[in-house]
Amino acid sequence: MTRTTITAAVLSALVAGSAIVALADTGSTDRNAGQPGAAPASAESARPTFAPFRRAQVAADKIPGTPDPKTLSDLRPGENPSESRAILGSDGAVIAYIWPTTGGVCMATEDGSTCGSFKQIADLGALTMTTQRSNRASAQIVGVTPDGTTDLQVRAADKSAAVSSVQRVPNAFSATITAAPAAGAAGTGQKVGLSVPPKITLSWRTATGKYSATR
C-alpha cells in the first residue's frame, strides 16, 4: 500500500503534531508483486492513455531522490519509476508523479504510492490515494485520470462528510474531505470521524462522451 522506498523520496513536509495515514484506494495494495527479469515498461506503453508520457521527460519530472529501480525489491512487474512524469496543479505545485508499469501506471504523492491497470483506471475513473489525519477529521484525496476525462465530480458518500477545495487539471485532481460537526457539538469543534478510508463517489465523462459513475 505505502512503499517506503518511494514514499521517502517524495515526502516533503508534514504538519507538526498531525499524524497522517496514506491509504491506497483504487490501486493495488500488492506492492510486492515484482518478478525478477520483467522488462521495465516504457513511457510509450502509457502514451495512448496519459498525455504526460507523450512529452519528453524533463528534470522536474524525476521523483526527488528516487533510488535506482534495479535496487528496489518490491517493484511490480515492469514498474519503471525512472520514466516518471510530474502532473502539476493550477498553482504549479506537483499533484502527483506517475510512471509506467506493465499494463498500467503507478502514482505517488508525498505520502505514498500505488498502482493500477489501465482497465481498472478506466472502470473506476481514476487511480486514487487518500491521506487521512489520525483524528479522522479530514482527509486529502489525489487521483490521476485518463486522457479525455471531463465533468469530474467528487462527492462524499457519507452524509456526515463534505468535499471542498476540489482542484481539477488534465490527468489529475485533488480534493479535501472534511467531517461534519458531531451532533450537539456546535461551537466545540468536535467532528464526526471519517470512515477509513473515507467513502467517496466519482462521476465523469469519458473521452467518448459516455457518462460514468462509481457506486
N, C-alpha and C. Protein backbone atom coordinates (compact mmCIF):
# COMPACT_ATOMS: atom_id res chain seq x y z
N MET A 1 0.84 -1.20 0.00
CA MET A 1 0.00 0.00 0.00
C MET A 1 0.87 1.24 0.00
N THR A 2 1.70 1.38 1.00
CA THR A 2 2.61 2.51 1.05
C THR A 2 4.03 1.99 1.04
N ARG A 3 4.81 2.33 0.05
CA ARG A 3 6.14 1.78 -0.08
C ARG A 3 7.16 2.82 0.37
N THR A 4 7.96 2.47 1.36
CA THR A 4 8.85 3.47 1.95
C THR A 4 9.92 3.93 0.99
N THR A 5 10.40 3.08 0.08
CA THR A 5 11.46 3.50 -0.81
C THR A 5 11.01 4.58 -1.78
N ILE A 6 9.73 4.56 -2.13
CA ILE A 6 9.19 5.62 -2.99
C ILE A 6 8.66 6.76 -2.13
N THR A 7 7.96 6.42 -1.05
CA THR A 7 7.37 7.45 -0.20
C THR A 7 8.43 8.39 0.35
N ALA A 8 9.54 7.86 0.81
CA ALA A 8 10.58 8.70 1.39
C ALA A 8 11.15 9.66 0.37
N ALA A 9 11.13 9.27 -0.89
CA ALA A 9 11.69 10.12 -1.92
C ALA A 9 10.86 11.37 -2.16
N VAL A 10 9.53 11.26 -2.04
CA VAL A 10 8.68 12.40 -2.34
C VAL A 10 8.14 13.08 -1.08
N LEU A 11 8.44 12.52 0.09
CA LEU A 11 7.98 13.13 1.33
C LEU A 11 8.63 14.49 1.51
N SER A 12 7.83 15.53 1.71
CA SER A 12 8.40 16.87 1.84
C SER A 12 8.21 17.41 3.24
N ALA A 13 6.99 17.78 3.63
CA ALA A 13 6.80 18.38 4.95
C ALA A 13 5.46 17.94 5.52
N LEU A 14 5.45 17.55 6.77
CA LEU A 14 4.23 17.20 7.47
C LEU A 14 3.97 18.22 8.56
N VAL A 15 2.70 18.51 8.79
CA VAL A 15 2.34 19.44 9.83
C VAL A 15 2.66 18.84 11.19
N ALA A 16 3.40 19.54 12.00
CA ALA A 16 3.83 19.01 13.30
C ALA A 16 2.62 18.64 14.14
N GLY A 17 2.66 17.43 14.70
CA GLY A 17 1.62 17.01 15.62
C GLY A 17 0.37 16.47 14.96
N SER A 18 0.32 16.42 13.62
CA SER A 18 -0.89 15.90 12.96
C SER A 18 -0.49 14.71 12.11
N ALA A 19 -0.53 13.56 12.74
CA ALA A 19 -0.13 12.33 12.06
C ALA A 19 -1.08 12.04 10.92
N ILE A 20 -0.54 11.42 9.87
CA ILE A 20 -1.38 11.09 8.72
C ILE A 20 -1.16 9.64 8.33
N VAL A 21 -2.13 9.07 7.65
CA VAL A 21 -2.05 7.71 7.19
C VAL A 21 -2.38 7.70 5.71
N ALA A 22 -1.50 7.14 4.89
CA ALA A 22 -1.75 7.06 3.45
C ALA A 22 -2.49 5.78 3.15
N LEU A 23 -3.56 5.88 2.38
CA LEU A 23 -4.39 4.74 2.05
C LEU A 23 -4.51 4.62 0.55
N ALA A 24 -4.22 3.45 0.01
CA ALA A 24 -4.39 3.22 -1.42
C ALA A 24 -5.84 2.84 -1.66
N ASP A 25 -6.56 3.68 -2.39
CA ASP A 25 -8.00 3.46 -2.56
C ASP A 25 -8.30 2.56 -3.76
N THR A 26 -8.02 3.05 -4.98
CA THR A 26 -8.40 2.30 -6.16
C THR A 26 -7.24 1.53 -6.76
N GLY A 27 -6.05 1.66 -6.19
CA GLY A 27 -4.91 0.95 -6.74
C GLY A 27 -4.72 -0.39 -6.07
N SER A 28 -3.77 -1.16 -6.60
CA SER A 28 -3.45 -2.44 -6.00
C SER A 28 -2.71 -2.23 -4.70
N THR A 29 -3.05 -3.01 -3.67
CA THR A 29 -2.32 -2.92 -2.42
C THR A 29 -1.16 -3.90 -2.40
N ASP A 30 -1.01 -4.70 -3.46
CA ASP A 30 0.09 -5.64 -3.52
C ASP A 30 1.33 -4.93 -4.07
N ARG A 31 2.20 -4.52 -3.18
CA ARG A 31 3.40 -3.81 -3.61
C ARG A 31 4.60 -4.74 -3.63
N ASN A 32 4.37 -6.04 -3.59
CA ASN A 32 5.48 -6.99 -3.60
C ASN A 32 5.30 -7.99 -4.74
N ALA A 33 4.76 -7.48 -5.85
CA ALA A 33 4.44 -8.37 -6.97
C ALA A 33 5.52 -8.38 -8.03
N GLY A 34 6.68 -7.85 -7.72
CA GLY A 34 7.75 -7.78 -8.71
C GLY A 34 8.19 -9.16 -9.16
N GLN A 35 8.57 -9.28 -10.44
CA GLN A 35 9.04 -10.54 -10.98
C GLN A 35 10.44 -10.34 -11.53
N PRO A 36 11.43 -11.03 -11.01
CA PRO A 36 12.79 -10.87 -11.49
C PRO A 36 12.86 -11.05 -13.00
N GLY A 37 13.55 -10.14 -13.66
CA GLY A 37 13.74 -10.25 -15.08
C GLY A 37 12.65 -9.62 -15.92
N ALA A 38 11.56 -9.14 -15.31
CA ALA A 38 10.50 -8.49 -16.08
C ALA A 38 11.05 -7.23 -16.72
N ALA A 39 10.80 -7.07 -18.01
CA ALA A 39 11.32 -5.90 -18.72
C ALA A 39 10.63 -4.64 -18.21
N PRO A 40 11.38 -3.58 -17.93
CA PRO A 40 10.76 -2.33 -17.47
C PRO A 40 9.81 -1.78 -18.53
N ALA A 41 8.64 -1.35 -18.11
CA ALA A 41 7.68 -0.75 -19.05
C ALA A 41 8.23 0.58 -19.54
N SER A 42 7.96 0.90 -20.78
CA SER A 42 8.43 2.16 -21.35
C SER A 42 7.34 3.22 -21.25
N ALA A 43 7.76 4.47 -21.35
CA ALA A 43 6.79 5.56 -21.37
C ALA A 43 5.82 5.40 -22.53
N GLU A 44 6.30 4.81 -23.61
CA GLU A 44 5.46 4.62 -24.79
C GLU A 44 4.23 3.79 -24.50
N SER A 45 4.34 2.85 -23.56
CA SER A 45 3.20 1.98 -23.26
C SER A 45 2.03 2.74 -22.65
N ALA A 46 2.31 3.88 -22.02
CA ALA A 46 1.25 4.67 -21.38
C ALA A 46 0.83 5.88 -22.20
N ARG A 47 1.49 6.12 -23.32
CA ARG A 47 1.19 7.32 -24.11
C ARG A 47 -0.24 7.38 -24.63
N PRO A 48 -0.85 6.26 -25.04
CA PRO A 48 -2.22 6.36 -25.54
C PRO A 48 -3.24 6.76 -24.47
N THR A 49 -2.88 6.59 -23.19
CA THR A 49 -3.84 6.81 -22.11
C THR A 49 -3.56 8.05 -21.29
N PHE A 50 -2.29 8.41 -21.14
CA PHE A 50 -1.90 9.56 -20.30
C PHE A 50 -0.98 10.50 -21.08
N ALA A 51 -1.49 11.70 -21.32
CA ALA A 51 -0.76 12.69 -22.13
C ALA A 51 0.63 13.03 -21.61
N PRO A 52 0.88 13.07 -20.28
CA PRO A 52 2.23 13.43 -19.84
C PRO A 52 3.33 12.55 -20.42
N PHE A 53 2.99 11.32 -20.80
CA PHE A 53 4.01 10.44 -21.37
C PHE A 53 4.25 10.72 -22.86
N ARG A 54 3.47 11.61 -23.43
CA ARG A 54 3.67 11.95 -24.84
C ARG A 54 4.64 13.12 -25.01
N ARG A 55 5.20 13.58 -23.93
CA ARG A 55 6.24 14.61 -24.00
C ARG A 55 7.53 14.05 -23.41
N ALA A 56 8.62 14.68 -23.77
CA ALA A 56 9.91 14.23 -23.26
C ALA A 56 10.01 14.47 -21.76
N GLN A 57 10.69 13.59 -21.07
CA GLN A 57 10.91 13.75 -19.64
C GLN A 57 11.90 14.88 -19.41
N VAL A 58 11.59 15.73 -18.43
CA VAL A 58 12.49 16.82 -18.04
C VAL A 58 12.92 16.60 -16.60
N ALA A 59 13.88 17.39 -16.14
CA ALA A 59 14.42 17.20 -14.80
C ALA A 59 13.34 17.25 -13.72
N ALA A 60 12.35 18.15 -13.89
CA ALA A 60 11.31 18.31 -12.88
C ALA A 60 10.37 17.11 -12.80
N ASP A 61 10.42 16.22 -13.79
CA ASP A 61 9.58 15.03 -13.78
C ASP A 61 10.12 13.94 -12.88
N LYS A 62 11.38 13.99 -12.58
CA LYS A 62 12.00 12.91 -11.82
C LYS A 62 11.63 13.02 -10.34
N ILE A 63 11.26 11.89 -9.75
CA ILE A 63 10.91 11.86 -8.33
C ILE A 63 12.18 12.16 -7.53
N PRO A 64 12.15 13.18 -6.70
CA PRO A 64 13.37 13.55 -5.97
C PRO A 64 13.93 12.40 -5.14
N GLY A 65 15.18 12.09 -5.36
CA GLY A 65 15.85 11.07 -4.56
C GLY A 65 15.43 9.64 -4.84
N THR A 66 14.73 9.40 -5.96
CA THR A 66 14.30 8.03 -6.25
C THR A 66 15.51 7.12 -6.43
N PRO A 67 15.54 6.01 -5.73
CA PRO A 67 16.67 5.08 -5.89
C PRO A 67 16.64 4.40 -7.24
N ASP A 68 17.76 3.86 -7.64
CA ASP A 68 17.85 3.11 -8.89
C ASP A 68 16.83 1.97 -8.84
N PRO A 69 15.93 1.88 -9.86
CA PRO A 69 14.93 0.81 -9.84
C PRO A 69 15.53 -0.58 -9.68
N LYS A 70 16.77 -0.76 -10.12
CA LYS A 70 17.40 -2.07 -10.02
C LYS A 70 17.66 -2.47 -8.57
N THR A 71 17.65 -1.49 -7.67
CA THR A 71 17.93 -1.77 -6.26
C THR A 71 16.65 -2.00 -5.46
N LEU A 72 15.49 -1.82 -6.07
CA LEU A 72 14.23 -1.99 -5.36
C LEU A 72 13.76 -3.44 -5.47
N SER A 73 13.35 -4.01 -4.35
CA SER A 73 12.94 -5.41 -4.34
C SER A 73 11.43 -5.59 -4.42
N ASP A 74 10.67 -4.51 -4.32
CA ASP A 74 9.22 -4.66 -4.26
C ASP A 74 8.52 -4.02 -5.46
N LEU A 75 9.19 -3.98 -6.60
CA LEU A 75 8.57 -3.44 -7.80
C LEU A 75 7.53 -4.42 -8.35
N ARG A 76 6.46 -3.87 -8.94
CA ARG A 76 5.52 -4.69 -9.69
C ARG A 76 6.17 -5.07 -11.01
N PRO A 77 5.61 -6.06 -11.71
CA PRO A 77 6.18 -6.45 -13.00
C PRO A 77 6.25 -5.26 -13.96
N GLY A 78 7.44 -4.95 -14.41
CA GLY A 78 7.62 -3.88 -15.39
C GLY A 78 7.59 -2.48 -14.83
N GLU A 79 7.41 -2.34 -13.53
CA GLU A 79 7.31 -0.99 -12.94
C GLU A 79 8.61 -0.22 -13.18
N ASN A 80 8.48 1.01 -13.66
CA ASN A 80 9.66 1.75 -14.08
C ASN A 80 9.61 3.21 -13.62
N PRO A 81 9.91 3.48 -12.33
CA PRO A 81 9.85 4.85 -11.82
C PRO A 81 10.87 5.78 -12.45
N SER A 82 11.85 5.23 -13.17
CA SER A 82 12.82 6.11 -13.84
C SER A 82 12.17 6.86 -15.01
N GLU A 83 10.96 6.43 -15.42
CA GLU A 83 10.23 7.11 -16.51
C GLU A 83 9.10 7.96 -15.95
N SER A 84 9.25 8.46 -14.73
CA SER A 84 8.19 9.24 -14.10
C SER A 84 7.92 10.55 -14.81
N ARG A 85 6.69 11.02 -14.66
CA ARG A 85 6.29 12.34 -15.13
C ARG A 85 5.55 13.03 -13.98
N ALA A 86 5.76 14.31 -13.83
CA ALA A 86 5.06 15.09 -12.81
C ALA A 86 3.81 15.69 -13.41
N ILE A 87 2.71 15.67 -12.65
CA ILE A 87 1.48 16.35 -13.04
C ILE A 87 1.32 17.53 -12.10
N LEU A 88 1.26 18.72 -12.68
CA LEU A 88 1.22 19.94 -11.88
C LEU A 88 -0.20 20.45 -11.68
N GLY A 89 -0.43 21.05 -10.52
CA GLY A 89 -1.71 21.69 -10.25
C GLY A 89 -1.75 23.08 -10.85
N SER A 90 -2.85 23.77 -10.68
CA SER A 90 -3.00 25.11 -11.24
C SER A 90 -2.05 26.11 -10.59
N ASP A 91 -1.54 25.77 -9.40
CA ASP A 91 -0.59 26.64 -8.71
C ASP A 91 0.86 26.31 -9.05
N GLY A 92 1.06 25.34 -9.93
CA GLY A 92 2.41 24.97 -10.34
C GLY A 92 3.07 23.94 -9.45
N ALA A 93 2.41 23.56 -8.36
CA ALA A 93 2.97 22.54 -7.47
C ALA A 93 2.62 21.15 -7.99
N VAL A 94 3.44 20.17 -7.66
CA VAL A 94 3.21 18.80 -8.11
C VAL A 94 2.02 18.20 -7.37
N ILE A 95 1.03 17.72 -8.14
CA ILE A 95 -0.09 16.98 -7.54
C ILE A 95 0.32 15.53 -7.33
N ALA A 96 0.94 14.95 -8.35
CA ALA A 96 1.35 13.55 -8.28
C ALA A 96 2.42 13.27 -9.31
N TYR A 97 3.18 12.23 -9.06
CA TYR A 97 4.10 11.67 -10.05
C TYR A 97 3.48 10.38 -10.57
N ILE A 98 3.61 10.13 -11.86
CA ILE A 98 3.13 8.88 -12.43
C ILE A 98 4.26 8.24 -13.23
N TRP A 99 4.23 6.91 -13.31
CA TRP A 99 5.22 6.20 -14.12
C TRP A 99 4.61 4.90 -14.61
N PRO A 100 5.17 4.33 -15.67
CA PRO A 100 4.57 3.14 -16.28
C PRO A 100 4.89 1.86 -15.54
N THR A 101 3.98 0.92 -15.64
CA THR A 101 4.20 -0.45 -15.19
C THR A 101 3.52 -1.34 -16.22
N THR A 102 3.72 -2.62 -16.17
CA THR A 102 3.13 -3.50 -17.16
C THR A 102 1.61 -3.42 -17.12
N GLY A 103 1.02 -2.99 -18.22
CA GLY A 103 -0.44 -2.93 -18.31
C GLY A 103 -1.11 -1.82 -17.54
N GLY A 104 -0.33 -0.83 -17.08
CA GLY A 104 -0.94 0.25 -16.31
C GLY A 104 0.06 1.31 -15.91
N VAL A 105 -0.29 2.05 -14.86
CA VAL A 105 0.60 3.08 -14.34
C VAL A 105 0.61 3.03 -12.82
N CYS A 106 1.62 3.65 -12.23
CA CYS A 106 1.69 3.85 -10.80
C CYS A 106 1.70 5.34 -10.52
N MET A 107 1.33 5.70 -9.31
CA MET A 107 1.33 7.11 -8.93
C MET A 107 1.90 7.24 -7.53
N ALA A 108 2.42 8.43 -7.23
CA ALA A 108 2.91 8.71 -5.88
C ALA A 108 2.58 10.14 -5.52
N THR A 109 2.22 10.34 -4.27
CA THR A 109 2.12 11.67 -3.70
C THR A 109 3.22 11.74 -2.64
N GLU A 110 3.24 12.79 -1.86
CA GLU A 110 4.26 12.89 -0.83
C GLU A 110 4.04 11.89 0.29
N ASP A 111 2.91 11.19 0.27
CA ASP A 111 2.56 10.30 1.38
C ASP A 111 2.47 8.82 1.03
N GLY A 112 2.69 8.45 -0.23
CA GLY A 112 2.60 7.04 -0.56
C GLY A 112 2.54 6.80 -2.05
N SER A 113 2.45 5.54 -2.43
CA SER A 113 2.38 5.19 -3.85
C SER A 113 1.45 4.01 -4.04
N THR A 114 0.91 3.87 -5.25
CA THR A 114 0.03 2.77 -5.58
C THR A 114 0.04 2.59 -7.09
N CYS A 115 -0.50 1.48 -7.56
CA CYS A 115 -0.51 1.19 -8.99
C CYS A 115 -1.88 0.65 -9.41
N GLY A 116 -2.20 0.77 -10.68
CA GLY A 116 -3.44 0.23 -11.20
C GLY A 116 -3.32 -0.08 -12.67
N SER A 117 -4.11 -1.02 -13.14
CA SER A 117 -4.10 -1.36 -14.57
C SER A 117 -4.90 -0.32 -15.35
N PHE A 118 -4.66 -0.26 -16.64
CA PHE A 118 -5.42 0.67 -17.47
C PHE A 118 -6.91 0.37 -17.40
N LYS A 119 -7.28 -0.91 -17.38
CA LYS A 119 -8.70 -1.28 -17.30
C LYS A 119 -9.30 -0.84 -15.98
N GLN A 120 -8.58 -1.08 -14.91
CA GLN A 120 -9.07 -0.70 -13.59
C GLN A 120 -9.29 0.81 -13.51
N ILE A 121 -8.34 1.57 -14.04
CA ILE A 121 -8.46 3.02 -14.00
C ILE A 121 -9.64 3.49 -14.86
N ALA A 122 -9.83 2.86 -16.02
CA ALA A 122 -10.95 3.22 -16.89
C ALA A 122 -12.28 2.90 -16.21
N ASP A 123 -12.36 1.76 -15.54
CA ASP A 123 -13.62 1.35 -14.90
C ASP A 123 -13.96 2.24 -13.71
N LEU A 124 -12.94 2.64 -12.94
CA LEU A 124 -13.17 3.41 -11.72
C LEU A 124 -13.01 4.92 -11.91
N GLY A 125 -12.58 5.33 -13.10
CA GLY A 125 -12.47 6.76 -13.39
C GLY A 125 -11.15 7.37 -13.01
N ALA A 126 -10.43 6.76 -12.07
CA ALA A 126 -9.18 7.33 -11.60
C ALA A 126 -8.41 6.31 -10.78
N LEU A 127 -7.13 6.53 -10.67
CA LEU A 127 -6.29 5.84 -9.70
C LEU A 127 -6.10 6.81 -8.55
N THR A 128 -6.51 6.45 -7.36
CA THR A 128 -6.54 7.43 -6.27
C THR A 128 -5.75 6.98 -5.05
N MET A 129 -5.35 7.98 -4.28
CA MET A 129 -4.75 7.77 -2.96
C MET A 129 -5.36 8.76 -2.00
N THR A 130 -5.59 8.31 -0.78
CA THR A 130 -6.15 9.18 0.26
C THR A 130 -5.17 9.27 1.42
N THR A 131 -4.95 10.48 1.90
CA THR A 131 -4.13 10.71 3.09
C THR A 131 -5.06 11.21 4.17
N GLN A 132 -5.15 10.47 5.26
CA GLN A 132 -6.13 10.77 6.31
C GLN A 132 -5.42 11.12 7.61
N ARG A 133 -5.88 12.17 8.26
CA ARG A 133 -5.30 12.55 9.55
C ARG A 133 -5.71 11.54 10.62
N SER A 134 -4.84 11.38 11.60
CA SER A 134 -5.07 10.35 12.61
C SER A 134 -6.34 10.59 13.42
N ASN A 135 -6.77 11.86 13.52
CA ASN A 135 -8.01 12.12 14.26
C ASN A 135 -9.26 11.93 13.39
N ARG A 136 -9.05 11.55 12.13
CA ARG A 136 -10.13 11.25 11.18
C ARG A 136 -11.05 12.44 10.94
N ALA A 137 -10.57 13.65 11.21
CA ALA A 137 -11.41 14.83 10.98
C ALA A 137 -11.36 15.29 9.53
N SER A 138 -10.30 14.97 8.81
CA SER A 138 -10.19 15.38 7.42
C SER A 138 -9.28 14.43 6.67
N ALA A 139 -9.37 14.49 5.36
CA ALA A 139 -8.54 13.65 4.50
C ALA A 139 -8.32 14.37 3.18
N GLN A 140 -7.23 14.04 2.53
CA GLN A 140 -6.92 14.60 1.21
C GLN A 140 -6.91 13.45 0.22
N ILE A 141 -7.65 13.60 -0.87
CA ILE A 141 -7.65 12.59 -1.91
C ILE A 141 -7.00 13.16 -3.16
N VAL A 142 -6.15 12.38 -3.79
CA VAL A 142 -5.50 12.75 -5.03
C VAL A 142 -5.74 11.63 -6.02
N GLY A 143 -6.05 11.98 -7.26
CA GLY A 143 -6.28 10.96 -8.27
C GLY A 143 -5.66 11.34 -9.60
N VAL A 144 -5.31 10.34 -10.38
CA VAL A 144 -4.87 10.57 -11.76
C VAL A 144 -5.91 9.96 -12.68
N THR A 145 -6.22 10.65 -13.76
CA THR A 145 -7.32 10.29 -14.64
C THR A 145 -6.85 10.12 -16.08
N PRO A 146 -7.49 9.25 -16.84
CA PRO A 146 -7.09 9.04 -18.23
C PRO A 146 -7.38 10.28 -19.09
N ASP A 147 -6.74 10.33 -20.24
CA ASP A 147 -6.99 11.41 -21.19
C ASP A 147 -8.47 11.52 -21.51
N GLY A 148 -8.93 12.74 -21.72
CA GLY A 148 -10.30 12.96 -22.16
C GLY A 148 -11.33 12.97 -21.05
N THR A 149 -10.92 12.77 -19.81
CA THR A 149 -11.87 12.81 -18.69
C THR A 149 -12.37 14.24 -18.48
N THR A 150 -13.67 14.43 -18.46
CA THR A 150 -14.25 15.75 -18.24
C THR A 150 -15.39 15.65 -17.24
N ASP A 151 -15.86 16.81 -16.80
CA ASP A 151 -17.01 16.89 -15.88
C ASP A 151 -16.82 16.02 -14.65
N LEU A 152 -15.59 15.92 -14.17
CA LEU A 152 -15.32 15.09 -13.00
C LEU A 152 -15.92 15.72 -11.75
N GLN A 153 -16.68 14.92 -11.02
CA GLN A 153 -17.28 15.38 -9.76
C GLN A 153 -16.86 14.43 -8.64
N VAL A 154 -16.48 15.00 -7.51
CA VAL A 154 -16.10 14.22 -6.34
C VAL A 154 -17.12 14.49 -5.24
N ARG A 155 -17.75 13.44 -4.73
CA ARG A 155 -18.77 13.61 -3.70
C ARG A 155 -18.49 12.67 -2.54
N ALA A 156 -18.85 13.10 -1.36
CA ALA A 156 -18.73 12.25 -0.18
C ALA A 156 -19.95 11.34 -0.13
N ALA A 157 -19.72 10.04 -0.03
CA ALA A 157 -20.83 9.09 0.05
C ALA A 157 -21.49 9.14 1.41
N ASP A 158 -20.74 9.57 2.41
CA ASP A 158 -21.24 9.66 3.77
C ASP A 158 -21.82 11.06 4.00
N LYS A 159 -23.06 11.13 4.45
CA LYS A 159 -23.72 12.42 4.65
C LYS A 159 -23.07 13.23 5.77
N SER A 160 -22.24 12.59 6.58
CA SER A 160 -21.59 13.32 7.67
C SER A 160 -20.26 13.92 7.22
N ALA A 161 -20.01 13.93 5.92
CA ALA A 161 -18.76 14.49 5.40
C ALA A 161 -19.05 15.44 4.25
N ALA A 162 -18.09 16.32 3.98
CA ALA A 162 -18.24 17.27 2.89
C ALA A 162 -16.95 17.34 2.08
N VAL A 163 -17.08 17.60 0.79
CA VAL A 163 -15.93 17.72 -0.10
C VAL A 163 -15.71 19.18 -0.44
N SER A 164 -14.46 19.63 -0.36
CA SER A 164 -14.15 21.02 -0.67
C SER A 164 -12.78 21.10 -1.33
N SER A 165 -12.41 22.29 -1.74
CA SER A 165 -11.09 22.56 -2.33
C SER A 165 -10.77 21.59 -3.46
N VAL A 166 -11.74 21.37 -4.33
CA VAL A 166 -11.51 20.46 -5.46
C VAL A 166 -10.69 21.17 -6.53
N GLN A 167 -9.60 20.55 -6.91
CA GLN A 167 -8.75 21.08 -7.98
C GLN A 167 -8.72 20.07 -9.12
N ARG A 168 -9.05 20.51 -10.33
CA ARG A 168 -9.05 19.63 -11.49
C ARG A 168 -8.10 20.18 -12.54
N VAL A 169 -7.20 19.35 -13.00
CA VAL A 169 -6.29 19.69 -14.10
C VAL A 169 -6.27 18.48 -15.03
N PRO A 170 -5.79 18.63 -16.24
CA PRO A 170 -5.72 17.46 -17.12
C PRO A 170 -4.95 16.32 -16.47
N ASN A 171 -5.58 15.16 -16.44
CA ASN A 171 -5.00 13.92 -15.93
C ASN A 171 -4.85 13.84 -14.41
N ALA A 172 -5.43 14.77 -13.66
CA ALA A 172 -5.33 14.66 -12.20
C ALA A 172 -6.37 15.54 -11.51
N PHE A 173 -6.61 15.22 -10.24
CA PHE A 173 -7.46 16.06 -9.40
C PHE A 173 -7.05 15.87 -7.95
N SER A 174 -7.45 16.80 -7.12
CA SER A 174 -7.27 16.66 -5.67
C SER A 174 -8.47 17.28 -4.99
N ALA A 175 -8.75 16.82 -3.78
CA ALA A 175 -9.89 17.35 -3.04
C ALA A 175 -9.68 17.08 -1.56
N THR A 176 -10.34 17.88 -0.73
CA THR A 176 -10.30 17.72 0.72
C THR A 176 -11.65 17.22 1.19
N ILE A 177 -11.64 16.22 2.05
CA ILE A 177 -12.86 15.68 2.64
C ILE A 177 -12.84 16.01 4.12
N THR A 178 -13.89 16.66 4.59
CA THR A 178 -13.94 17.11 5.99
C THR A 178 -15.14 16.52 6.70
N ALA A 179 -14.92 16.06 7.91
CA ALA A 179 -16.02 15.50 8.71
C ALA A 179 -16.93 16.61 9.19
N ALA A 180 -18.21 16.30 9.29
CA ALA A 180 -19.19 17.27 9.78
C ALA A 180 -19.10 17.37 11.30
N PRO A 181 -19.57 18.49 11.88
CA PRO A 181 -19.58 18.60 13.35
C PRO A 181 -20.41 17.50 13.97
N ALA A 182 -19.98 17.00 15.10
CA ALA A 182 -20.73 15.96 15.80
C ALA A 182 -22.05 16.53 16.31
N ALA A 183 -23.05 15.68 16.38
CA ALA A 183 -24.36 16.11 16.87
C ALA A 183 -24.24 16.70 18.26
N GLY A 184 -24.81 17.88 18.45
CA GLY A 184 -24.79 18.53 19.75
C GLY A 184 -23.45 19.15 20.10
N ALA A 185 -22.55 19.21 19.08
CA ALA A 185 -21.21 19.72 19.37
C ALA A 185 -20.97 21.08 18.73
N ALA A 186 -22.04 21.81 18.40
CA ALA A 186 -21.90 23.11 17.76
C ALA A 186 -21.02 24.02 18.60
N GLY A 187 -20.05 24.61 17.97
CA GLY A 187 -19.16 25.54 18.65
C GLY A 187 -18.04 24.89 19.43
N THR A 188 -18.03 23.57 19.50
CA THR A 188 -16.98 22.88 20.25
C THR A 188 -15.84 22.44 19.35
N GLY A 189 -16.08 22.42 18.05
CA GLY A 189 -15.06 21.97 17.11
C GLY A 189 -14.97 20.46 17.00
N GLN A 190 -15.77 19.73 17.78
CA GLN A 190 -15.74 18.27 17.73
C GLN A 190 -16.33 17.79 16.41
N LYS A 191 -15.65 16.83 15.79
CA LYS A 191 -16.08 16.33 14.49
C LYS A 191 -16.47 14.85 14.57
N VAL A 192 -17.34 14.45 13.63
CA VAL A 192 -17.62 13.04 13.46
C VAL A 192 -16.45 12.44 12.68
N GLY A 193 -15.88 11.34 13.15
CA GLY A 193 -14.74 10.74 12.46
C GLY A 193 -15.12 10.21 11.10
N LEU A 194 -14.27 10.47 10.10
CA LEU A 194 -14.48 9.92 8.77
C LEU A 194 -14.25 8.42 8.79
N SER A 195 -14.90 7.72 7.86
CA SER A 195 -14.63 6.29 7.73
C SER A 195 -13.21 6.11 7.20
N VAL A 196 -12.68 4.92 7.30
CA VAL A 196 -11.31 4.63 6.88
C VAL A 196 -11.33 3.55 5.80
N PRO A 197 -11.03 3.88 4.53
CA PRO A 197 -10.82 5.25 4.05
C PRO A 197 -12.16 5.95 3.87
N PRO A 198 -12.17 7.26 3.72
CA PRO A 198 -13.43 7.98 3.52
C PRO A 198 -14.13 7.47 2.25
N LYS A 199 -15.43 7.32 2.34
CA LYS A 199 -16.18 6.83 1.19
C LYS A 199 -16.55 7.99 0.27
N ILE A 200 -16.14 7.88 -0.99
CA ILE A 200 -16.47 8.90 -1.98
C ILE A 200 -17.05 8.25 -3.22
N THR A 201 -17.72 9.06 -4.02
CA THR A 201 -18.17 8.63 -5.33
C THR A 201 -17.61 9.59 -6.37
N LEU A 202 -17.27 9.06 -7.51
CA LEU A 202 -16.80 9.87 -8.63
C LEU A 202 -17.78 9.75 -9.78
N SER A 203 -17.98 10.84 -10.48
CA SER A 203 -18.73 10.79 -11.74
C SER A 203 -17.93 11.56 -12.77
N TRP A 204 -18.00 11.16 -14.02
CA TRP A 204 -17.17 11.77 -15.05
C TRP A 204 -17.70 11.40 -16.43
N ARG A 205 -17.20 12.11 -17.42
CA ARG A 205 -17.43 11.75 -18.81
C ARG A 205 -16.12 11.28 -19.42
N THR A 206 -16.20 10.20 -20.16
CA THR A 206 -15.01 9.66 -20.80
C THR A 206 -14.68 10.45 -22.06
N ALA A 207 -13.59 10.09 -22.71
CA ALA A 207 -13.18 10.77 -23.95
C ALA A 207 -14.24 10.62 -25.04
N THR A 208 -15.05 9.57 -24.97
CA THR A 208 -16.09 9.36 -25.98
C THR A 208 -17.40 10.04 -25.61
N GLY A 209 -17.42 10.71 -24.45
CA GLY A 209 -18.63 11.41 -24.02
C GLY A 209 -19.56 10.57 -23.17
N LYS A 210 -19.17 9.33 -22.88
CA LYS A 210 -20.01 8.46 -22.05
C LYS A 210 -19.95 8.93 -20.60
N TYR A 211 -21.13 8.98 -19.97
CA TYR A 211 -21.19 9.34 -18.55
C TYR A 211 -21.03 8.10 -17.71
N SER A 212 -20.16 8.18 -16.71
CA SER A 212 -19.94 7.04 -15.82
C SER A 212 -19.89 7.53 -14.38
N ALA A 213 -20.09 6.61 -13.46
CA ALA A 213 -20.03 6.96 -12.03
C ALA A 213 -19.71 5.72 -11.23
N THR A 214 -19.00 5.92 -10.12
CA THR A 214 -18.76 4.83 -9.19
C THR A 214 -19.92 4.77 -8.21
N ARG A 215 -20.08 3.63 -7.58
CA ARG A 215 -21.19 3.46 -6.63
C ARG A 215 -20.63 3.14 -5.25
